[in-house]
């Protein structure tokens, strides 16, 4: 038995939409069971999904009904586990639309499978499992390399960390929903349809750049794999990818000194170690390695999310100068991406309170103020501007 209990990545902003979905599901569960003597009240039947003759509203309403306390607890537990970070990446409106679309596509998948197998067509379906599977599939694509701490118990109990791609793909999708299809009254095909929708939809959004890219998601991993594959093919076939096949070996003149080569190798090793530490959740060690990297070459840059994680760690450690430099490098290379207004707010706070530079503080705070959407952050930004202008 394996149960995930936490992930090593935290959302940047409060996932209000995910919290709201959990609360709404719990409230509806309580309403449908009041006076129902451990079964949903009769009026709820018309809101379950009936595969033989579904009504349009049932493609949404069925996902907010649950059959027991264990049913809703399991669904809401996994929604909380994986939904917070997906909410963070997609935004509140985008996440709500994605969640509801996951419910719809899961229902369609269940109906098609029931029709194909000729069984379960008359059995009503309820539960958020399909929508939660879509969210979990989205987490797999967005955070495949993050570590998930699991509790295991067989003959003994313990904890261990497993990369998300292995836990979700192998255990939750392949084993739980393809190999071990033994539990009665479980809509396995709805789960699989939800996973397929979540994975496919997020890969599509990443490939079309409708959501921000980074170097850690599944799409980036697939692209790097394809680049390595093409390179290997070119080397094996002795071809020039721009001019076609060549018949003689080309000797490239070495232009780098030995010292330059060693410096590049050291920087490359440091970058790999930094990303490894971040994936392990050891941000303090990653930040120290980043400072060593930039001492040797101030122009070194990390991927977007890694750069932001390092800057946040330096800020939390009270290393104001280094944090400001990291945040400013983030804005220089990743301007226009999500979180830029929050980075500007952080820089304004740093220059206002810890590295006294009134003009820089005002410039960053005023840039952030018009773009901030969080009411608390906007008020803090406005108060700081007012204080500096007095």
Protein backbone atom coordinates (compact mmCIF):
# COMPACT_ATOMS: atom_id res chain seq x y z
CA UNK A 1 0.00 0.00 0.00
CA UNK A 2 1.40 3.39 -1.02
CA UNK A 3 -0.01 6.76 0.04
CA UNK A 4 1.50 10.10 -1.07
CA UNK A 5 1.62 12.59 1.81
CA UNK A 6 3.47 15.63 0.39
CA UNK A 7 5.41 17.01 -2.55
CA UNK A 8 8.62 19.01 -2.49
CA UNK A 9 7.23 21.90 -4.54
CA UNK A 10 5.01 24.60 -3.05
CA UNK A 11 2.64 26.93 -4.95
CA UNK A 12 3.82 30.51 -5.35
CA UNK A 13 0.33 31.93 -4.78
CA UNK A 14 -2.56 30.75 -2.64
CA UNK A 15 -4.64 28.19 -4.63
CA UNK A 16 -8.02 29.69 -3.77
CA UNK A 17 -9.87 27.93 -6.61
CA UNK A 18 -8.69 24.50 -5.48
CA UNK A 19 -9.71 25.28 -1.90
CA UNK A 20 -13.12 26.46 -3.15
CA UNK A 21 -13.67 23.26 -5.16
CA UNK A 22 -12.87 21.13 -2.10
CA UNK A 23 -15.24 23.16 0.09
CA UNK A 24 -18.06 23.04 -2.50
CA UNK A 25 -17.69 19.26 -2.84
CA UNK A 26 -17.84 18.79 0.94
CA UNK A 27 -20.86 21.08 1.33
CA UNK A 28 -22.79 19.29 -1.44
CA UNK A 29 -21.89 15.93 0.09
CA UNK A 30 -23.29 17.03 3.47
CA UNK A 31 -26.47 18.41 1.86
CA UNK A 32 -27.16 15.23 -0.14
CA UNK A 33 -26.72 13.04 2.94
CA UNK A 34 -28.77 15.03 5.46
CA UNK A 35 -31.58 12.70 6.44
CA UNK A 36 -30.50 10.22 3.78
CA UNK A 37 -29.59 7.41 6.17
CA UNK A 38 -26.09 6.78 4.71
CA UNK A 39 -27.26 7.04 1.09
CA UNK A 40 -27.81 10.15 -1.07
CA UNK A 41 -31.30 11.57 -1.00
CA UNK A 42 -33.54 10.64 -3.90
CA UNK A 43 -33.49 14.11 -5.49
CA UNK A 44 -29.73 13.70 -6.11
CA UNK A 45 -30.34 10.81 -8.54
CA UNK A 46 -31.20 13.16 -11.40
CA UNK A 47 -27.79 14.82 -11.05
CA UNK A 48 -25.79 11.59 -11.34
CA UNK A 49 -24.47 10.59 -14.76
CA UNK A 50 -26.65 7.97 -16.44
CA UNK A 51 -24.59 6.52 -19.34
CA UNK A 52 -27.64 5.10 -21.17
CA UNK A 53 -29.42 8.48 -21.48
CA UNK A 54 -27.28 11.31 -20.08
CA UNK A 55 -28.60 14.84 -19.76
CA UNK A 56 -26.22 17.71 -20.50
CA UNK A 57 -26.08 19.01 -16.92
CA UNK A 58 -25.08 15.59 -15.65
CA UNK A 59 -21.64 15.89 -17.32
CA UNK A 60 -20.82 18.47 -14.62
CA UNK A 61 -23.12 17.74 -11.68
CA UNK A 62 -22.10 14.08 -11.28
CA UNK A 63 -18.58 15.22 -10.35
CA UNK A 64 -19.89 17.07 -7.27
CA UNK A 65 -21.71 14.05 -5.82
CA UNK A 66 -20.12 11.28 -3.76
CA UNK A 67 -21.30 7.92 -2.48
CA UNK A 68 -19.70 7.78 0.96
CA UNK A 69 -17.37 9.51 3.38
CA UNK A 70 -14.47 7.38 2.16
CA UNK A 71 -15.31 8.27 -1.44
CA UNK A 72 -15.24 12.03 -0.92
CA UNK A 73 -12.27 11.93 1.45
CA UNK A 74 -10.14 10.04 -1.08
CA UNK A 75 -11.03 12.36 -3.93
CA UNK A 76 -10.54 15.56 -1.95
CA UNK A 77 -7.27 14.30 -0.47
CA UNK A 78 -5.73 13.78 -3.92
CA UNK A 79 -7.26 17.00 -5.21
CA UNK A 80 -5.52 18.85 -2.39
CA UNK A 81 -2.27 16.93 -2.92
CA UNK A 82 -1.92 17.68 -6.64
CA UNK A 83 -4.40 20.47 -7.34
CA UNK A 84 -2.70 23.28 -5.41
CA UNK A 85 0.33 23.44 -7.70
CA UNK A 86 -1.73 22.99 -10.88
CA UNK A 87 -3.98 25.85 -9.71
CA UNK A 88 -0.83 27.94 -9.26
CA UNK A 89 0.37 27.31 -12.84
CA UNK A 90 -2.97 27.66 -14.62
CA UNK A 91 -4.37 30.59 -12.64
CA UNK A 92 -7.75 30.63 -10.93
CA UNK A 93 -10.06 30.89 -13.96
CA UNK A 94 -7.92 28.61 -16.09
CA UNK A 95 -7.80 25.98 -13.36
CA UNK A 96 -11.58 26.05 -12.83
CA UNK A 97 -12.20 25.61 -16.56
CA UNK A 98 -9.63 22.81 -16.71
CA UNK A 99 -11.21 21.00 -13.73
CA UNK A 100 -14.71 21.15 -15.21
CA UNK A 101 -13.42 20.08 -18.63
CA UNK A 102 -11.73 17.12 -16.95
CA UNK A 103 -15.07 16.10 -15.45
CA UNK A 104 -16.76 16.34 -18.87
CA UNK A 105 -14.10 14.33 -20.73
CA UNK A 106 -14.03 11.69 -17.99
CA UNK A 107 -17.79 11.29 -18.33
CA UNK A 108 -17.49 10.96 -22.11
CA UNK A 109 -14.77 8.33 -21.70
CA UNK A 110 -16.90 6.33 -19.26
CA UNK A 111 -19.96 6.43 -21.54
CA UNK A 112 -17.95 5.31 -24.59
CA UNK A 113 -16.35 2.46 -22.64
CA UNK A 114 -19.69 1.35 -21.16
CA UNK A 115 -21.25 1.33 -24.63
CA UNK A 116 -18.32 -0.61 -26.06
CA UNK A 117 -18.32 -3.25 -23.32
CA UNK A 118 -22.11 -3.40 -23.15
CA UNK A 119 -22.04 -3.33 -19.36
CA UNK A 120 -22.66 -0.62 -16.79
CA UNK A 121 -24.76 1.43 -19.21
CA UNK A 122 -27.70 1.55 -16.82
CA UNK A 123 -25.64 2.17 -13.67
CA UNK A 124 -25.54 5.82 -12.53
CA UNK A 125 -22.08 7.28 -11.97
CA UNK A 126 -21.03 9.90 -9.43
CA UNK A 127 -17.81 11.30 -8.00
CA UNK A 128 -14.99 13.71 -8.74
CA UNK A 129 -12.50 10.92 -9.51
CA UNK A 130 -12.32 11.70 -13.22
CA UNK A 131 -11.77 15.42 -12.68
CA UNK A 132 -9.16 14.67 -9.99
CA UNK A 133 -7.45 12.26 -12.40
CA UNK A 134 -7.27 15.09 -14.95
CA UNK A 135 -5.64 17.33 -12.34
CA UNK A 136 -3.20 14.55 -11.42
CA UNK A 137 -2.34 14.08 -15.10
CA UNK A 138 -1.68 17.81 -15.35
CA UNK A 139 0.65 17.58 -12.33
CA UNK A 140 2.53 14.74 -14.04
CA UNK A 141 3.21 16.97 -17.08
CA UNK A 142 4.02 20.16 -15.17
CA UNK A 143 6.10 18.66 -12.35
CA UNK A 144 7.39 15.23 -13.51
CA UNK A 145 10.73 15.51 -11.71
CA UNK A 146 9.43 16.66 -8.32
CA UNK A 147 9.77 14.28 -5.41
CA UNK A 148 6.65 12.93 -3.71
CA UNK A 149 6.99 11.56 -0.19
CA UNK A 150 4.95 8.39 0.24
CA UNK A 151 4.05 6.23 3.21
CA UNK A 152 4.28 2.51 2.47
CA UNK A 153 3.12 -0.40 4.56
CA UNK A 154 3.44 -4.07 3.71
CA UNK A 155 5.12 -6.08 6.46
CA UNK A 156 6.51 -2.83 7.91
CA UNK A 157 5.78 0.88 7.66
CA UNK A 158 8.09 3.63 6.39
CA UNK A 159 8.43 6.62 4.09
CA UNK A 160 10.37 7.23 0.89
CA UNK A 161 10.57 9.76 -1.92
CA UNK A 162 9.57 8.88 -5.49
CA UNK A 163 9.71 11.13 -8.58
CA UNK A 164 6.21 12.17 -9.61
CA UNK A 165 6.52 10.68 -13.09
CA UNK A 166 7.04 7.17 -11.69
CA UNK A 167 4.41 7.34 -8.94
CA UNK A 168 1.66 8.75 -11.17
CA UNK A 169 2.45 6.99 -14.43
CA UNK A 170 3.31 3.54 -13.12
CA UNK A 171 1.42 3.22 -9.85
CA UNK A 172 -1.64 5.45 -10.12
CA UNK A 173 -2.37 5.03 -13.83
CA UNK A 174 -0.93 1.69 -14.95
CA UNK A 175 -1.20 -0.47 -11.83
CA UNK A 176 -4.29 1.03 -10.12
CA UNK A 177 -6.41 1.53 -13.24
CA UNK A 178 -5.19 -1.03 -15.79
CA UNK A 179 -3.67 -3.98 -13.91
CA UNK A 180 -5.71 -4.01 -10.68
CA UNK A 181 -9.24 -3.44 -12.00
CA UNK A 182 -10.84 -5.57 -9.31
CA UNK A 183 -12.87 -3.24 -7.08
CA UNK A 184 -16.61 -3.27 -7.81
CA UNK A 185 -18.46 -0.06 -8.68
CA UNK A 186 -15.27 1.82 -9.63
CA UNK A 187 -15.33 3.76 -12.93
CA UNK A 188 -11.80 2.85 -14.04
CA UNK A 189 -12.41 4.06 -17.60
CA UNK A 190 -13.52 7.47 -16.32
CA UNK A 191 -10.21 7.68 -14.42
CA UNK A 192 -8.21 6.75 -17.52
CA UNK A 193 -10.11 9.28 -19.62
CA UNK A 194 -9.39 11.93 -17.00
CA UNK A 195 -5.67 11.12 -16.95
CA UNK A 196 -5.56 11.16 -20.77
CA UNK A 197 -7.30 14.54 -20.90
CA UNK A 198 -5.08 16.07 -18.22
CA UNK A 199 -1.85 14.88 -19.82
CA UNK A 200 -2.89 15.71 -23.39
CA UNK A 201 -4.38 19.12 -22.62
CA UNK A 202 -1.36 20.38 -20.67
CA UNK A 203 1.10 19.05 -23.28
CA UNK A 204 -0.90 20.95 -25.90
CA UNK A 205 -0.87 24.16 -23.83
CA UNK A 206 2.88 23.87 -23.27
CA UNK A 207 3.65 23.10 -26.92
CA UNK A 208 1.65 26.13 -28.07
CA UNK A 209 3.18 28.29 -25.28
CA UNK A 210 -0.24 29.19 -23.89
CA UNK A 211 1.19 28.53 -20.43
CA UNK A 212 4.69 29.49 -19.33
CA UNK A 213 7.51 27.11 -20.20
CA UNK A 214 10.30 25.91 -17.94
CA UNK A 215 13.05 23.30 -18.16
CA UNK A 216 11.46 20.83 -15.75
CA UNK A 217 8.11 19.94 -17.34
CA UNK A 218 7.41 16.84 -19.41
CA UNK A 219 7.25 18.77 -22.69
CA UNK A 220 10.76 20.16 -22.12
CA UNK A 221 12.00 16.65 -21.24
CA UNK A 222 10.51 15.26 -24.47
CA UNK A 223 12.07 18.04 -26.51
CA UNK A 224 15.52 17.39 -25.02
CA UNK A 225 15.12 13.67 -25.68
CA UNK A 226 14.22 14.37 -29.31
CA UNK A 227 17.20 16.71 -29.72
CA UNK A 228 19.54 14.03 -28.38
CA UNK A 229 17.95 11.46 -30.71
CA UNK A 230 18.46 13.69 -33.75
CA UNK A 231 22.03 14.41 -32.74
CA UNK A 232 22.83 10.71 -32.33
CA UNK A 233 21.33 9.96 -35.75
CA UNK A 234 23.39 12.71 -37.35
CA UNK A 235 26.61 11.47 -35.73
CA UNK A 236 25.98 7.83 -36.65
CA UNK A 237 25.15 8.66 -40.27
CA UNK A 238 28.00 11.22 -40.61
CA UNK A 239 25.65 13.83 -42.05
CA UNK A 240 25.50 17.59 -41.97
CA UNK A 241 21.96 18.45 -40.79
CA UNK A 242 21.99 21.62 -42.95
CA UNK A 243 23.72 20.46 -46.14
CA UNK A 244 22.95 16.74 -46.36
CA UNK A 245 25.35 13.76 -46.36
CA UNK A 246 29.08 14.39 -46.38
CA UNK A 247 31.72 12.01 -47.63
CA UNK A 248 34.76 13.09 -45.66
CA UNK A 249 35.58 13.75 -42.08
CA UNK A 250 35.84 17.42 -41.10
CA UNK A 251 38.47 18.39 -38.54
CA UNK A 252 37.26 21.31 -36.46
CA UNK A 253 40.02 23.65 -35.32
CA UNK A 254 40.16 23.93 -31.53
CA UNK A 255 39.74 27.56 -30.51
CA UNK A 256 39.21 27.23 -26.76
CA UNK A 257 42.05 27.21 -24.28
CA UNK A 258 42.33 24.45 -21.73
CA UNK A 259 41.43 26.92 -18.96
CA UNK A 260 38.26 27.95 -20.80
CA UNK A 261 37.25 24.33 -21.28
CA UNK A 262 37.79 23.58 -17.61
CA UNK A 263 35.78 26.66 -16.59
CA UNK A 264 32.89 25.63 -18.84
CA UNK A 265 32.94 22.08 -17.50
CA UNK A 266 32.93 23.35 -13.91
CA UNK A 267 30.02 25.73 -14.64
CA UNK A 268 28.08 22.93 -16.32
CA UNK A 269 28.64 20.64 -13.34
CA UNK A 270 27.55 23.35 -10.92
CA UNK A 271 24.37 24.01 -12.91
CA UNK A 272 23.48 20.30 -12.89
CA UNK A 273 24.12 20.10 -9.16
CA UNK A 274 21.99 23.20 -8.52
CA UNK A 275 19.02 21.72 -10.41
CA UNK A 276 19.46 18.41 -8.58
CA UNK A 277 19.40 20.16 -5.20
CA UNK A 278 16.27 22.10 -6.19
CA UNK A 279 14.50 18.91 -7.28
CA UNK A 280 15.43 17.37 -3.92
CA UNK A 281 13.93 20.38 -2.10
CA UNK A 282 17.32 21.44 -0.68
CA UNK A 283 17.11 25.10 -1.66
CA UNK A 284 19.68 26.27 0.88
CA UNK A 285 22.40 24.11 -0.72
CA UNK A 286 21.21 25.09 -4.21
CA UNK A 287 21.52 28.78 -3.32
CA UNK A 288 25.10 28.35 -2.07
CA UNK A 289 26.04 26.52 -5.28
CA UNK A 290 24.40 29.30 -7.33
CA UNK A 291 26.49 31.94 -5.55
CA UNK A 292 29.63 29.91 -6.30
CA UNK A 293 28.54 29.68 -9.94
CA UNK A 294 28.01 33.44 -10.27
CA UNK A 295 31.28 34.27 -8.49
CA UNK A 296 33.08 32.53 -11.35
CA UNK A 297 30.82 33.98 -14.06
CA UNK A 298 28.24 36.65 -13.20
CA UNK A 299 26.42 36.06 -16.48
CA UNK A 300 25.33 32.52 -15.59
CA UNK A 301 21.55 32.01 -15.76
CA UNK A 302 19.29 29.22 -14.50
CA UNK A 303 15.91 28.10 -15.93
CA UNK A 304 12.98 30.38 -15.03
CA UNK A 305 11.51 28.48 -12.06
CA UNK A 306 14.95 27.55 -10.72
CA UNK A 307 16.03 31.19 -10.91
CA UNK A 308 12.94 32.22 -8.98
CA UNK A 309 13.42 29.51 -6.34
CA UNK A 310 17.03 30.60 -5.75
CA UNK A 311 16.06 34.27 -5.45
CA UNK A 312 13.29 33.41 -2.97
CA UNK A 313 15.70 31.31 -0.91
CA UNK A 314 18.26 34.13 -0.76
CA UNK A 315 15.49 36.52 0.25
CA UNK A 316 14.27 34.24 3.05
CA UNK A 317 17.86 33.84 4.29
CA UNK A 318 18.26 37.62 4.60
CA UNK A 319 20.92 37.88 1.89
CA UNK A 320 19.44 41.04 0.48
CA UNK A 321 22.13 42.03 -2.02
CA UNK A 322 22.36 38.56 -3.57
CA UNK A 323 18.56 38.22 -3.59
CA UNK A 324 18.16 41.56 -5.36
CA UNK A 325 20.72 40.57 -8.00
CA UNK A 326 18.96 37.25 -8.58
CA UNK A 327 15.52 38.88 -8.85
CA UNK A 328 16.86 41.51 -11.26
CA UNK A 329 18.47 38.82 -13.41
CA UNK A 330 15.10 37.02 -13.45
CA UNK A 331 13.37 40.18 -14.71
CA UNK A 332 16.09 40.82 -17.29
CA UNK A 333 15.78 37.41 -18.92
CA UNK A 334 12.20 36.36 -18.12
CA UNK A 335 10.26 39.61 -18.42
CA UNK A 336 6.65 39.14 -19.45
CA UNK A 337 6.28 35.73 -17.78
CA UNK A 338 4.03 35.00 -14.80
CA UNK A 339 5.12 36.20 -11.37
CA UNK A 340 7.00 39.24 -12.76
CA UNK A 341 4.80 41.67 -10.82
CA UNK A 342 5.47 39.75 -7.61
CA UNK A 343 9.21 39.82 -8.29
CA UNK A 344 8.95 43.59 -8.80
CA UNK A 345 7.12 43.83 -5.47
CA UNK A 346 9.86 41.84 -3.73
CA UNK A 347 12.56 44.06 -5.24
CA UNK A 348 10.67 47.14 -4.13
CA UNK A 349 10.48 45.81 -0.57
CA UNK A 350 14.19 44.90 -0.57
CA UNK A 351 15.30 48.33 -1.80
CA UNK A 352 12.87 50.12 0.50
CA UNK A 353 13.67 48.29 3.73
CA UNK A 354 17.02 46.52 3.49
CA UNK A 355 19.13 48.13 0.75
CA UNK A 356 18.01 51.74 1.12
CA UNK A 357 17.52 53.02 -2.42
CA UNK A 358 14.33 55.05 -2.44
CA UNK A 359 14.22 55.66 -6.19
CA UNK A 360 14.76 52.04 -7.15
CA UNK A 361 12.18 50.95 -4.59
CA UNK A 362 9.56 53.34 -5.99
CA UNK A 363 10.28 52.31 -9.58
CA UNK A 364 9.75 48.62 -8.85
CA UNK A 365 6.74 49.14 -6.57
CA UNK A 366 4.93 51.36 -9.08
CA UNK A 367 5.54 48.84 -11.86
CA UNK A 368 4.14 46.07 -9.67
CA UNK A 369 1.12 47.96 -8.31
CA UNK A 370 -0.85 48.11 -11.57
CA UNK A 371 -0.38 44.39 -12.29
CA UNK A 372 -0.89 42.78 -8.88
CA UNK A 373 -4.15 40.85 -8.52
CA UNK A 374 -3.84 39.61 -4.94
CA UNK A 375 -5.63 42.11 -2.68
CA UNK A 376 -3.19 41.66 0.21
CA UNK A 377 -0.12 42.13 -1.98
CA UNK A 378 -1.66 45.16 -3.69
CA UNK A 379 -2.41 46.80 -0.33
CA UNK A 380 1.12 46.12 0.93
CA UNK A 381 2.55 47.59 -2.28
CA UNK A 382 0.36 50.69 -2.04
CA UNK A 383 1.23 51.23 1.64
CA UNK A 384 4.93 51.01 0.87
CA UNK A 385 4.64 53.49 -2.00
CA UNK A 386 2.75 55.90 0.25
CA UNK A 387 5.38 55.56 2.98
CA UNK A 388 8.24 56.25 0.57
CA UNK A 389 6.52 59.30 -0.95
CA UNK A 390 5.75 60.97 2.37
